[in-house]
Structure formats: C-alpha cells, structure tokens
Amino acid sequence: MTFDFLFRPSHTAYLRRAAALLEEAQMARIEHQAAAEHHSALARMYAERVRRLENELYRQPQNVAPGVPAEGAAADERPQLYSLDGTRKPGLTSAT
C-alpha cells in the first residue's frame, strides 16, 4: 500500500520520464569525464613543453655558443623537436 501511488497509470509516464532523465544524466557524466581526462592530458603536455622551453631559455650557459654543449656536460642524445637555438634537425616529427 505504501508504494501503490507509483504504479497508478497516471504515474507511469512520470517513471518513464525519470528513467530517461537518469540515462541522460549518466551519459552527460561519462562525456564530461572523458573531456576532463582529455584536458588533464593537455595540461600535462603543456607543462612539459613549458619545462623544455624554460630549460632552453633560462638554464643554458651564457658563455657557450648555441648548439654546443658546455664542457663536462653530456650532450643530450635525443634531438629536440622544438629547439630555439637552431639545432633542430630538419625532417624530425613528434612521431619519431
């Protein structure tokens, strides 16, 4: 008797509508979760790019010519894709 009001013919439309709204809300949650993951990945990528560019701009010794490693410093064997000092090798892509 307590839940009889839910099963009256006048309330079935309400239940169908509530179920449709629930499904819509669940889909929106999934879509926003995927978007949040995408934006988080972009934020990490840009943080890494900022770190690389700051290293090139601010931490390079001033008495060394661009593209020449300082004495005692090991040269980075991986080529820089976004080099500001002109040492980028032509034809390199981010896929290599």
C-alpha atoms as a PDB file:
ATOM      1  CA  MET A   1       0.000   0.000   0.000  1.00  0.00           C
ATOM      2  CA  THR A   2       2.909   2.332   0.663  1.00  0.00           C
ATOM      3  CA  PHE A   3       4.190   2.390  -2.955  1.00  0.00           C
ATOM      4  CA  ASP A   4       0.854   1.922  -4.711  1.00  0.00           C
ATOM      5  CA  PHE A   5       0.952   5.542  -5.897  1.00  0.00           C
ATOM      6  CA  LEU A   6       3.977   4.713  -8.107  1.00  0.00           C
ATOM      7  CA  PHE A   7       2.110   2.084 -10.081  1.00  0.00           C
ATOM      8  CA  ARG A   8      -1.033   4.028 -10.938  1.00  0.00           C
ATOM      9  CA  PRO A   9      -1.439   4.650 -14.667  1.00  0.00           C
ATOM     10  CA  SER A  10      -1.012   8.408 -14.149  1.00  0.00           C
ATOM     11  CA  HIS A  11       2.466   7.864 -12.666  1.00  0.00           C
ATOM     12  CA  THR A  12       3.920   5.528 -15.294  1.00  0.00           C
ATOM     13  CA  ALA A  13       4.644   8.490 -17.578  1.00  0.00           C
ATOM     14  CA  TYR A  14       6.499  10.130 -14.698  1.00  0.00           C
ATOM     15  CA  LEU A  15       8.570   6.982 -14.119  1.00  0.00           C
ATOM     16  CA  ARG A  16       9.445   6.701 -17.823  1.00  0.00           C
ATOM     17  CA  ARG A  17      10.474  10.357 -17.878  1.00  0.00           C
ATOM     18  CA  ALA A  18      12.556   9.952 -14.712  1.00  0.00           C
ATOM     19  CA  ALA A  19      14.300   6.908 -16.243  1.00  0.00           C
ATOM     20  CA  ALA A  20      15.041   8.874 -19.432  1.00  0.00           C
ATOM     21  CA  LEU A  21      16.446  11.778 -17.399  1.00  0.00           C
ATOM     22  CA  LEU A  22      18.591   9.376 -15.378  1.00  0.00           C
ATOM     23  CA  GLU A  23      20.053   7.860 -18.552  1.00  0.00           C
ATOM     24  CA  GLU A  24      20.695  11.340 -19.967  1.00  0.00           C
ATOM     25  CA  ALA A  25      22.477  12.397 -16.772  1.00  0.00           C
ATOM     26  CA  GLN A  26      24.625   9.263 -16.820  1.00  0.00           C
ATOM     27  CA  MET A  27      25.642   9.896 -20.449  1.00  0.00           C
ATOM     28  CA  ALA A  28      26.499  13.534 -19.652  1.00  0.00           C
ATOM     29  CA  ARG A  29      28.651  12.366 -16.726  1.00  0.00           C
ATOM     30  CA  ILE A  30      30.551   9.961 -18.999  1.00  0.00           C
ATOM     31  CA  GLU A  31      31.073  12.640 -21.657  1.00  0.00           C
ATOM     32  CA  HIS A  32      32.340  15.177 -19.123  1.00  0.00           C
ATOM     33  CA  GLN A  33      34.623  12.595 -17.545  1.00  0.00           C
ATOM     34  CA  ALA A  34      36.178  11.905 -20.954  1.00  0.00           C
ATOM     35  CA  ALA A  35      36.585  15.638 -21.570  1.00  0.00           C
ATOM     36  CA  ALA A  36      38.228  16.056 -18.155  1.00  0.00           C
ATOM     37  CA  GLU A  37      40.715  13.280 -18.952  1.00  0.00           C
ATOM     38  CA  HIS A  38      41.492  14.958 -22.286  1.00  0.00           C
ATOM     39  CA  HIS A  39      42.063  18.352 -20.665  1.00  0.00           C
ATOM     40  CA  SER A  40      44.212  16.791 -17.962  1.00  0.00           C
ATOM     41  CA  ALA A  41      46.410  15.203 -20.639  1.00  0.00           C
ATOM     42  CA  LEU A  42      46.687  18.549 -22.436  1.00  0.00           C
ATOM     43  CA  ALA A  43      47.663  20.288 -19.199  1.00  0.00           C
ATOM     44  CA  ARG A  44      50.427  17.726 -18.593  1.00  0.00           C
ATOM     45  CA  MET A  45      51.648  18.108 -22.182  1.00  0.00           C
ATOM     46  CA  TYR A  46      51.805  21.910 -21.912  1.00  0.00           C
ATOM     47  CA  ALA A  47      53.539  21.716 -18.522  1.00  0.00           C
ATOM     48  CA  GLU A  48      56.224  19.543 -20.109  1.00  0.00           C
ATOM     49  CA  ARG A  49      56.526  21.962 -23.036  1.00  0.00           C
ATOM     50  CA  VAL A  50      56.907  24.904 -20.655  1.00  0.00           C
ATOM     51  CA  ARG A  51      59.618  22.999 -18.773  1.00  0.00           C
ATOM     52  CA  ARG A  52      61.524  22.276 -22.000  1.00  0.00           C
ATOM     53  CA  LEU A  53      61.272  25.866 -23.230  1.00  0.00           C
ATOM     54  CA  GLU A  54      62.302  27.282 -19.857  1.00  0.00           C
ATOM     55  CA  ASN A  55      65.322  24.980 -19.871  1.00  0.00           C
ATOM     56  CA  GLU A  56      66.330  26.302 -23.271  1.00  0.00           C
ATOM     57  CA  LEU A  57      65.765  29.947 -22.398  1.00  0.00           C
ATOM     58  CA  TYR A  58      66.936  30.316 -18.821  1.00  0.00           C
ATOM     59  CA  ARG A  59      69.227  27.454 -17.921  1.00  0.00           C
ATOM     60  CA  GLN A  60      71.580  27.498 -20.898  1.00  0.00           C
ATOM     61  CA  PRO A  61      75.084  28.771 -20.019  1.00  0.00           C
ATOM     62  CA  GLN A  62      75.658  32.248 -21.464  1.00  0.00           C
ATOM     63  CA  ASN A  63      79.295  31.659 -22.468  1.00  0.00           C
ATOM     64  CA  VAL A  64      78.522  28.676 -24.699  1.00  0.00           C
ATOM     65  CA  ALA A  65      77.519  29.046 -28.314  1.00  0.00           C
ATOM     66  CA  PRO A  66      74.027  27.743 -29.102  1.00  0.00           C
ATOM     67  CA  GLY A  67      74.038  24.091 -30.043  1.00  0.00           C
ATOM     68  CA  VAL A  68      77.384  23.389 -28.397  1.00  0.00           C
ATOM     69  CA  PRO A  69      77.275  21.536 -25.063  1.00  0.00           C
ATOM     70  CA  ALA A  70      79.194  23.052 -22.156  1.00  0.00           C
ATOM     71  CA  GLU A  71      82.471  21.425 -21.137  1.00  0.00           C
ATOM     72  CA  GLY A  72      81.876  18.409 -18.934  1.00  0.00           C
ATOM     73  CA  ALA A  73      78.190  18.295 -19.802  1.00  0.00           C
ATOM     74  CA  ALA A  74      76.929  15.289 -21.690  1.00  0.00           C
ATOM     75  CA  ALA A  75      75.124  16.156 -24.890  1.00  0.00           C
ATOM     76  CA  ASP A  76      71.507  15.049 -24.993  1.00  0.00           C
ATOM     77  CA  GLU A  77      71.339  12.213 -27.489  1.00  0.00           C
ATOM     78  CA  ARG A  78      67.665  12.761 -28.208  1.00  0.00           C
ATOM     79  CA  PRO A  79      67.064  15.555 -30.724  1.00  0.00           C
ATOM     80  CA  GLN A  80      64.978  18.480 -29.545  1.00  0.00           C
ATOM     81  CA  LEU A  81      61.843  18.863 -31.593  1.00  0.00           C
ATOM     82  CA  TYR A  82      61.140  22.457 -30.565  1.00  0.00           C
ATOM     83  CA  SER A  83      64.601  23.904 -30.307  1.00  0.00           C
ATOM     84  CA  LEU A  84      65.008  27.652 -30.250  1.00  0.00           C
ATOM     85  CA  ASP A  85      68.719  27.622 -30.957  1.00  0.00           C
ATOM     86  CA  GLY A  86      68.601  26.253 -34.493  1.00  0.00           C
ATOM     87  CA  THR A  87      69.883  22.748 -33.669  1.00  0.00           C
ATOM     88  CA  ARG A  88      66.680  21.061 -34.708  1.00  0.00           C
ATOM     89  CA  LYS A  89      67.318  18.549 -37.430  1.00  0.00           C
ATOM     90  CA  PRO A  90      65.064  19.033 -40.483  1.00  0.00           C
ATOM     91  CA  GLY A  91      62.507  16.336 -41.096  1.00  0.00           C
ATOM     92  CA  LEU A  92      62.032  15.325 -37.457  1.00  0.00           C
ATOM     93  CA  THR A  93      58.478  14.903 -36.293  1.00  0.00           C
ATOM     94  CA  SER A  94      56.952  14.180 -32.925  1.00  0.00           C
ATOM     95  CA  ALA A  95      56.270  10.616 -34.113  1.00  0.00           C
ATOM     96  CA  THR A  96      59.971   9.746 -34.291  1.00  0.00           C
END
